[in-house]
Amino acid sequence: MQFDSFSDFIAMGGYGFYVWLSFGTCALILLGILVNSLRDTKRIMASVEQQIIREARIKKAKQEQIS
């Protein structure tokens, strides 16, 4: 489909509202998924780091009991 002007492109043959609403909705959903994934990754990494510290502390305590 070829458009004569930018306003014709935005109007999309009379269906512009629905086309741009669907593109906007899709973009918002994808952005939400990205933000949620980044937040979950940060939370999981912090949890793993805490678990590593906890396991090192337990290992050190066990070694001190043996000595």
PDB file of N, CA and C in Angstrom:
ATOM      1  N   MET A   1       0.850  -1.174   0.000  1.00  0.00           N
ATOM      2  CA  MET A   1       0.000   0.000   0.000  1.00  0.00           C
ATOM      3  C   MET A   1       0.896   1.238   0.000  1.00  0.00           C
ATOM      4  N   GLN A   2       0.584   2.158  -0.854  1.00  0.00           N
ATOM      5  CA  GLN A   2       1.389   3.367  -0.975  1.00  0.00           C
ATOM      6  C   GLN A   2       0.548   4.564  -0.531  1.00  0.00           C
ATOM      7  N   PHE A   3       1.148   5.468   0.213  1.00  0.00           N
ATOM      8  CA  PHE A   3       0.445   6.632   0.741  1.00  0.00           C
ATOM      9  C   PHE A   3       0.952   7.896   0.054  1.00  0.00           C
ATOM     10  N   ASP A   4       0.043   8.836  -0.185  1.00  0.00           N
ATOM     11  CA  ASP A   4       0.398  10.087  -0.847  1.00  0.00           C
ATOM     12  C   ASP A   4       1.003  11.099   0.105  1.00  0.00           C
ATOM     13  N   SER A   5       0.645  11.015   1.386  1.00  0.00           N
ATOM     14  CA  SER A   5       1.167  11.969   2.362  1.00  0.00           C
ATOM     15  C   SER A   5       1.297  11.278   3.718  1.00  0.00           C
ATOM     16  N   PHE A   6       1.937  11.992   4.624  1.00  0.00           N
ATOM     17  CA  PHE A   6       2.119  11.454   5.970  1.00  0.00           C
ATOM     18  C   PHE A   6       0.779  11.319   6.686  1.00  0.00           C
ATOM     19  N   SER A   7      -0.127  12.269   6.460  1.00  0.00           N
ATOM     20  CA  SER A   7      -1.445  12.191   7.107  1.00  0.00           C
ATOM     21  C   SER A   7      -2.233  10.991   6.580  1.00  0.00           C
ATOM     22  N   ASP A   8      -2.055  10.643   5.299  1.00  0.00           N
ATOM     23  CA  ASP A   8      -2.691   9.426   4.778  1.00  0.00           C
ATOM     24  C   ASP A   8      -2.103   8.182   5.439  1.00  0.00           C
ATOM     25  N   PHE A   9      -0.799   8.229   5.690  1.00  0.00           N
ATOM     26  CA  PHE A   9      -0.151   7.109   6.372  1.00  0.00           C
ATOM     27  C   PHE A   9      -0.716   6.950   7.784  1.00  0.00           C
ATOM     28  N   ILE A  10      -0.864   8.057   8.506  1.00  0.00           N
ATOM     29  CA  ILE A  10      -1.403   8.011   9.868  1.00  0.00           C
ATOM     30  C   ILE A  10      -2.854   7.547   9.853  1.00  0.00           C
ATOM     31  N   ALA A  11      -3.633   7.985   8.870  1.00  0.00           N
ATOM     32  CA  ALA A  11      -5.054   7.633   8.787  1.00  0.00           C
ATOM     33  C   ALA A  11      -5.246   6.163   8.413  1.00  0.00           C
ATOM     34  N   MET A  12      -4.286   5.576   7.704  1.00  0.00           N
ATOM     35  CA  MET A  12      -4.345   4.170   7.295  1.00  0.00           C
ATOM     36  C   MET A  12      -5.676   3.818   6.613  1.00  0.00           C
ATOM     37  N   GLY A  13      -6.117   4.683   5.714  1.00  0.00           N
ATOM     38  CA  GLY A  13      -7.342   4.390   4.965  1.00  0.00           C
ATOM     39  C   GLY A  13      -8.581   4.369   5.834  1.00  0.00           C
ATOM     40  N   GLY A  14      -8.568   5.141   6.919  1.00  0.00           N
ATOM     41  CA  GLY A  14      -9.722   5.187   7.813  1.00  0.00           C
ATOM     42  C   GLY A  14      -9.620   4.241   8.995  1.00  0.00           C
ATOM     43  N   TYR A  15      -8.609   3.401   9.002  1.00  0.00           N
ATOM     44  CA  TYR A  15      -8.444   2.430  10.092  1.00  0.00           C
ATOM     45  C   TYR A  15      -7.279   2.792  11.006  1.00  0.00           C
ATOM     46  N   GLY A  16      -6.796   4.003  10.897  1.00  0.00           N
ATOM     47  CA  GLY A  16      -5.623   4.430  11.652  1.00  0.00           C
ATOM     48  C   GLY A  16      -5.784   4.289  13.157  1.00  0.00           C
ATOM     49  N   PHE A  17      -6.972   4.657  13.675  1.00  0.00           N
ATOM     50  CA  PHE A  17      -7.185   4.564  15.125  1.00  0.00           C
ATOM     51  C   PHE A  17      -6.954   3.144  15.610  1.00  0.00           C
ATOM     52  N   TYR A  18      -7.508   2.155  14.921  1.00  0.00           N
ATOM     53  CA  TYR A  18      -7.386   0.759  15.335  1.00  0.00           C
ATOM     54  C   TYR A  18      -5.965   0.231  15.121  1.00  0.00           C
ATOM     55  N   VAL A  19      -5.360   0.636  14.014  1.00  0.00           N
ATOM     56  CA  VAL A  19      -3.999   0.183  13.718  1.00  0.00           C
ATOM     57  C   VAL A  19      -3.027   0.708  14.766  1.00  0.00           C
ATOM     58  N   TRP A  20      -3.062   2.012  15.033  1.00  0.00           N
ATOM     59  CA  TRP A  20      -2.116   2.609  15.971  1.00  0.00           C
ATOM     60  C   TRP A  20      -2.430   2.213  17.406  1.00  0.00           C
ATOM     61  N   LEU A  21      -3.714   1.982  17.709  1.00  0.00           N
ATOM     62  CA  LEU A  21      -4.063   1.495  19.041  1.00  0.00           C
ATOM     63  C   LEU A  21      -3.492   0.091  19.261  1.00  0.00           C
ATOM     64  N   SER A  22      -3.574  -0.750  18.246  1.00  0.00           N
ATOM     65  CA  SER A  22      -3.032  -2.106  18.389  1.00  0.00           C
ATOM     66  C   SER A  22      -1.509  -2.085  18.478  1.00  0.00           C
ATOM     67  N   PHE A  23      -0.850  -1.246  17.690  1.00  0.00           N
ATOM     68  CA  PHE A  23       0.606  -1.124  17.792  1.00  0.00           C
ATOM     69  C   PHE A  23       1.017  -0.597  19.167  1.00  0.00           C
ATOM     70  N   GLY A  24       0.312   0.407  19.654  1.00  0.00           N
ATOM     71  CA  GLY A  24       0.613   0.969  20.969  1.00  0.00           C
ATOM     72  C   GLY A  24       0.407  -0.033  22.090  1.00  0.00           C
ATOM     73  N   THR A  25      -0.696  -0.773  22.022  1.00  0.00           N
ATOM     74  CA  THR A  25      -0.978  -1.791  23.029  1.00  0.00           C
ATOM     75  C   THR A  25       0.101  -2.868  23.025  1.00  0.00           C
ATOM     76  N   CYS A  26       0.480  -3.311  21.845  1.00  0.00           N
ATOM     77  CA  CYS A  26       1.533  -4.326  21.725  1.00  0.00           C
ATOM     78  C   CYS A  26       2.853  -3.806  22.289  1.00  0.00           C
ATOM     79  N   ALA A  27       3.190  -2.560  21.977  1.00  0.00           N
ATOM     80  CA  ALA A  27       4.435  -1.973  22.476  1.00  0.00           C
ATOM     81  C   ALA A  27       4.419  -1.888  24.004  1.00  0.00           C
ATOM     82  N   LEU A  28       3.283  -1.486  24.582  1.00  0.00           N
ATOM     83  CA  LEU A  28       3.183  -1.400  26.041  1.00  0.00           C
ATOM     84  C   LEU A  28       3.316  -2.773  26.694  1.00  0.00           C
ATOM     85  N   ILE A  29       2.690  -3.770  26.101  1.00  0.00           N
ATOM     86  CA  ILE A  29       2.782  -5.126  26.646  1.00  0.00           C
ATOM     87  C   ILE A  29       4.225  -5.625  26.588  1.00  0.00           C
ATOM     88  N   LEU A  30       4.885  -5.432  25.448  1.00  0.00           N
ATOM     89  CA  LEU A  30       6.283  -5.866  25.331  1.00  0.00           C
ATOM     90  C   LEU A  30       7.193  -5.118  26.298  1.00  0.00           C
ATOM     91  N   LEU A  31       6.958  -3.837  26.485  1.00  0.00           N
ATOM     92  CA  LEU A  31       7.736  -3.050  27.440  1.00  0.00           C
ATOM     93  C   LEU A  31       7.502  -3.556  28.865  1.00  0.00           C
ATOM     94  N   GLY A  32       6.259  -3.875  29.182  1.00  0.00           N
ATOM     95  CA  GLY A  32       5.950  -4.424  30.502  1.00  0.00           C
ATOM     96  C   GLY A  32       6.633  -5.754  30.748  1.00  0.00           C
ATOM     97  N   ILE A  33       6.657  -6.602  29.735  1.00  0.00           N
ATOM     98  CA  ILE A  33       7.342  -7.892  29.857  1.00  0.00           C
ATOM     99  C   ILE A  33       8.840  -7.684  30.068  1.00  0.00           C
ATOM    100  N   LEU A  34       9.428  -6.749  29.335  1.00  0.00           N
ATOM    101  CA  LEU A  34      10.858  -6.456  29.485  1.00  0.00           C
ATOM    102  C   LEU A  34      11.173  -5.948  30.891  1.00  0.00           C
ATOM    103  N   VAL A  35      10.392  -4.996  31.376  1.00  0.00           N
ATOM    104  CA  VAL A  35      10.624  -4.435  32.714  1.00  0.00           C
ATOM    105  C   VAL A  35      10.466  -5.519  33.776  1.00  0.00           C
ATOM    106  N   ASN A  36       9.419  -6.330  33.644  1.00  0.00           N
ATOM    107  CA  ASN A  36       9.184  -7.397  34.608  1.00  0.00           C
ATOM    108  C   ASN A  36      10.323  -8.416  34.597  1.00  0.00           C
ATOM    109  N   SER A  37      10.811  -8.762  33.420  1.00  0.00           N
ATOM    110  CA  SER A  37      11.921  -9.719  33.310  1.00  0.00           C
ATOM    111  C   SER A  37      13.203  -9.168  33.938  1.00  0.00           C
ATOM    112  N   LEU A  38      13.486  -7.901  33.684  1.00  0.00           N
ATOM    113  CA  LEU A  38      14.685  -7.297  34.272  1.00  0.00           C
ATOM    114  C   LEU A  38      14.583  -7.240  35.793  1.00  0.00           C
ATOM    115  N   ARG A  39      13.394  -6.911  36.303  1.00  0.00           N
ATOM    116  CA  ARG A  39      13.197  -6.855  37.747  1.00  0.00           C
ATOM    117  C   ARG A  39      13.330  -8.243  38.370  1.00  0.00           C
ATOM    118  N   ASP A  40      12.750  -9.260  37.728  1.00  0.00           N
ATOM    119  CA  ASP A  40      12.866 -10.628  38.238  1.00  0.00           C
ATOM    120  C   ASP A  40      14.311 -11.116  38.221  1.00  0.00           C
ATOM    121  N   THR A  41      15.042 -10.779  37.157  1.00  0.00           N
ATOM    122  CA  THR A  41      16.444 -11.172  37.071  1.00  0.00           C
ATOM    123  C   THR A  41      17.250 -10.563  38.210  1.00  0.00           C
ATOM    124  N   LYS A  42      17.005  -9.293  38.486  1.00  0.00           N
ATOM    125  CA  LYS A  42      17.710  -8.617  39.577  1.00  0.00           C
ATOM    126  C   LYS A  42      17.378  -9.272  40.921  1.00  0.00           C
ATOM    127  N   ARG A  43      16.110  -9.606  41.126  1.00  0.00           N
ATOM    128  CA  ARG A  43      15.685 -10.237  42.378  1.00  0.00           C
ATOM    129  C   ARG A  43      16.302 -11.627  42.528  1.00  0.00           C
ATOM    130  N   ILE A  44      16.315 -12.395  41.462  1.00  0.00           N
ATOM    131  CA  ILE A  44      16.877 -13.748  41.508  1.00  0.00           C
ATOM    132  C   ILE A  44      18.378 -13.707  41.753  1.00  0.00           C
ATOM    133  N   MET A  45      19.074 -12.785  41.097  1.00  0.00           N
ATOM    134  CA  MET A  45      20.520 -12.665  41.302  1.00  0.00           C
ATOM    135  C   MET A  45      20.838 -12.288  42.750  1.00  0.00           C
ATOM    136  N   ALA A  46      20.057 -11.403  43.339  1.00  0.00           N
ATOM    137  CA  ALA A  46      20.263 -11.031  44.741  1.00  0.00           C
ATOM    138  C   ALA A  46      20.014 -12.227  45.654  1.00  0.00           C
ATOM    139  N   SER A  47      19.006 -13.019  45.341  1.00  0.00           N
ATOM    140  CA  SER A  47      18.701 -14.204  46.135  1.00  0.00           C
ATOM    141  C   SER A  47      19.825 -15.233  46.051  1.00  0.00           C
ATOM    142  N   VAL A  48      20.376 -15.433  44.870  1.00  0.00           N
ATOM    143  CA  VAL A  48      21.484 -16.379  44.687  1.00  0.00           C
ATOM    144  C   VAL A  48      22.713 -15.882  45.446  1.00  0.00           C
ATOM    145  N   GLU A  49      22.970 -14.596  45.380  1.00  0.00           N
ATOM    146  CA  GLU A  49      24.118 -14.040  46.106  1.00  0.00           C
ATOM    147  C   GLU A  49      23.960 -14.238  47.610  1.00  0.00           C
ATOM    148  N   GLN A  50      22.759 -14.023  48.133  1.00  0.00           N
ATOM    149  CA  GLN A  50      22.522 -14.243  49.564  1.00  0.00           C
ATOM    150  C   GLN A  50      22.709 -15.706  49.927  1.00  0.00           C
ATOM    151  N   GLN A  51      22.261 -16.604  49.059  1.00  0.00           N
ATOM    152  CA  GLN A  51      22.405 -18.032  49.344  1.00  0.00           C
ATOM    153  C   GLN A  51      23.874 -18.448  49.337  1.00  0.00           C
ATOM    154  N   ILE A  52      24.666 -17.907  48.424  1.00  0.00           N
ATOM    155  CA  ILE A  52      26.096 -18.216  48.375  1.00  0.00           C
ATOM    156  C   ILE A  52      26.769 -17.744  49.665  1.00  0.00           C
ATOM    157  N   ILE A  53      26.435 -16.544  50.120  1.00  0.00           N
ATOM    158  CA  ILE A  53      26.997 -16.011  51.370  1.00  0.00           C
ATOM    159  C   ILE A  53      26.578 -16.887  52.547  1.00  0.00           C
ATOM    160  N   ARG A  54      25.319 -17.291  52.566  1.00  0.00           N
ATOM    161  CA  ARG A  54      24.811 -18.133  53.655  1.00  0.00           C
ATOM    162  C   ARG A  54      25.535 -19.477  53.674  1.00  0.00           C
ATOM    163  N   GLU A  55      25.725 -20.095  52.504  1.00  0.00           N
ATOM    164  CA  GLU A  55      26.413 -21.386  52.437  1.00  0.00           C
ATOM    165  C   GLU A  55      27.876 -21.255  52.855  1.00  0.00           C
ATOM    166  N   ALA A  56      28.527 -20.161  52.494  1.00  0.00           N
ATOM    167  CA  ALA A  56      29.919 -19.950  52.902  1.00  0.00           C
ATOM    168  C   ALA A  56      30.002 -19.790  54.415  1.00  0.00           C
ATOM    169  N   ARG A  57      29.039 -19.086  54.999  1.00  0.00           N
ATOM    170  CA  ARG A  57      29.015 -18.897  56.447  1.00  0.00           C
ATOM    171  C   ARG A  57      28.800 -20.236  57.163  1.00  0.00           C
ATOM    172  N   ILE A  58      27.921 -21.083  56.635  1.00  0.00           N
ATOM    173  CA  ILE A  58      27.666 -22.401  57.226  1.00  0.00           C
ATOM    174  C   ILE A  58      28.907 -23.278  57.112  1.00  0.00           C
ATOM    175  N   LYS A  59      29.573 -23.256  55.953  1.00  0.00           N
ATOM    176  CA  LYS A  59      30.783 -24.045  55.749  1.00  0.00           C
ATOM    177  C   LYS A  59      31.885 -23.613  56.713  1.00  0.00           C
ATOM    178  N   LYS A  60      32.015 -22.290  56.908  1.00  0.00           N
ATOM    179  CA  LYS A  60      33.029 -21.777  57.831  1.00  0.00           C
ATOM    180  C   LYS A  60      32.717 -22.203  59.262  1.00  0.00           C
ATOM    181  N   ALA A  61      31.457 -22.182  59.646  1.00  0.00           N
ATOM    182  CA  ALA A  61      31.065 -22.586  60.997  1.00  0.00           C
ATOM    183  C   ALA A  61      31.336 -24.065  61.225  1.00  0.00           C
ATOM    184  N   LYS A  62      31.077 -24.882  60.212  1.00  0.00           N
ATOM    185  CA  LYS A  62      31.351 -26.323  60.336  1.00  0.00           C
ATOM    186  C   LYS A  62      32.849 -26.586  60.474  1.00  0.00           C
ATOM    187  N   GLN A  63      33.673 -25.843  59.726  1.00  0.00           N
ATOM    188  CA  GLN A  63      35.116 -26.021  59.820  1.00  0.00           C
ATOM    189  C   GLN A  63      35.631 -25.596  61.186  1.00  0.00           C
ATOM    190  N   GLU A  64      35.026 -24.573  61.774  1.00  0.00           N
ATOM    191  CA  GLU A  64      35.441 -24.121  63.094  1.00  0.00           C
ATOM    192  C   GLU A  64      35.069 -25.125  64.168  1.00  0.00           C
ATOM    193  N   GLN A  65      33.960 -25.848  63.966  1.00  0.00           N
ATOM    194  CA  GLN A  65      33.553 -26.868  64.929  1.00  0.00           C
ATOM    195  C   GLN A  65      34.503 -28.060  64.874  1.00  0.00           C
ATOM    196  N   ILE A  66      34.995 -28.384  63.708  1.00  0.00           N
ATOM    197  CA  ILE A  66      35.905 -29.522  63.544  1.00  0.00           C
ATOM    198  C   ILE A  66      37.251 -29.206  64.176  1.00  0.00           C
ATOM    199  N   SER A  67      37.699 -27.979  64.049  1.00  0.00           N
ATOM    200  CA  SER A  67      39.031 -27.593  64.554  1.00  0.00           C
ATOM    201  C   SER A  67      39.068 -27.494  66.041  1.00  0.00           C
TER     202      SER A  67
END
